[in-house]
Amino acid sequence: MAAKKETYTQAMERLEEIVRQIDNNQLDIDVLSDKIKEANRIIAFCTEKLTKADREVEKILREKRESEE
């Protein structure tokens, strides 16, 4: 699960490691399910971070346009 205060970059690094392990068949079948669940949590965490950043950028751009009018 995405840890408290984890950054987007740290989460992406963890996700990339999981993908590498899966691609290289390094995971025992008993561990594979847990890693896939963890990957899904990381993807949700990263998606939330990106969505929040996108909203903030849109807000800044909107405020900038309004101040220029």
Protein backbone atom coordinates (compact mmCIF):
# COMPACT_ATOMS: atom_id res chain seq x y z
CA MET A 1 0.00 0.00 0.00
CA ALA A 2 1.17 3.55 -0.62
CA ALA A 3 2.84 4.70 2.56
CA LYS A 4 2.09 7.96 4.34
CA LYS A 5 4.08 10.87 2.91
CA GLU A 6 5.21 8.77 -0.04
CA THR A 7 6.01 10.81 -3.10
CA TYR A 8 4.79 10.13 -6.61
CA THR A 9 8.36 9.32 -7.64
CA GLN A 10 8.81 6.81 -4.83
CA ALA A 11 5.52 5.13 -5.70
CA MET A 12 6.46 4.93 -9.37
CA GLU A 13 9.80 3.37 -8.47
CA ARG A 14 8.00 0.71 -6.41
CA LEU A 15 5.58 0.08 -9.26
CA GLU A 16 8.43 -0.25 -11.75
CA GLU A 17 10.15 -2.77 -9.46
CA ILE A 18 6.98 -4.86 -9.23
CA VAL A 19 6.61 -4.79 -13.01
CA ARG A 20 10.26 -5.85 -13.42
CA GLN A 21 9.74 -8.75 -11.03
CA ILE A 22 6.64 -9.87 -12.91
CA ASP A 23 8.32 -9.50 -16.32
CA ASN A 24 11.34 -11.50 -15.15
CA ASN A 25 9.21 -14.23 -13.58
CA GLN A 26 10.85 -13.52 -10.22
CA LEU A 27 7.69 -13.90 -8.19
CA ASP A 28 6.37 -17.08 -6.69
CA ILE A 29 2.73 -17.65 -7.57
CA ASP A 30 1.79 -17.18 -3.90
CA VAL A 31 3.39 -13.71 -3.91
CA LEU A 32 2.17 -12.69 -7.35
CA SER A 33 -1.39 -11.98 -6.21
CA ASP A 34 -0.20 -9.75 -3.37
CA LYS A 35 2.16 -7.85 -5.70
CA ILE A 36 -0.64 -7.28 -8.21
CA LYS A 37 -2.86 -5.92 -5.43
CA GLU A 38 -0.03 -3.67 -4.28
CA ALA A 39 0.50 -2.47 -7.85
CA ASN A 40 -3.21 -1.60 -8.11
CA ARG A 41 -2.99 0.45 -4.89
CA ILE A 42 0.09 2.25 -6.19
CA ILE A 43 -1.65 3.01 -9.50
CA ALA A 44 -4.64 4.46 -7.61
CA PHE A 45 -2.29 6.57 -5.45
CA CYS A 46 -0.44 7.89 -8.51
CA THR A 47 -3.65 8.58 -10.39
CA GLU A 48 -4.94 10.59 -7.43
CA LYS A 49 -1.69 12.58 -7.26
CA LEU A 50 -1.80 13.33 -10.99
CA THR A 51 -5.46 14.32 -10.89
CA LYS A 52 -4.82 16.66 -7.96
CA ALA A 53 -1.84 18.24 -9.71
CA ASP A 54 -3.87 18.67 -12.90
CA ARG A 55 -6.66 20.43 -10.99
CA GLU A 56 -4.16 22.75 -9.32
CA VAL A 57 -2.52 23.65 -12.64
CA GLU A 58 -5.91 24.30 -14.23
CA LYS A 59 -6.86 26.55 -11.29
CA ILE A 60 -3.62 28.53 -11.60
CA LEU A 61 -4.05 28.94 -15.35
CA ARG A 62 -7.69 30.00 -14.94
CA GLU A 63 -6.73 32.57 -12.29
CA LYS A 64 -3.96 33.86 -14.52
CA ARG A 65 -6.31 34.26 -17.49
CA GLU A 66 -8.88 36.03 -15.29
CA SER A 67 -6.30 38.43 -13.92
CA GLU A 68 -5.19 39.32 -17.46
CA GLU A 69 -8.72 40.22 -18.60
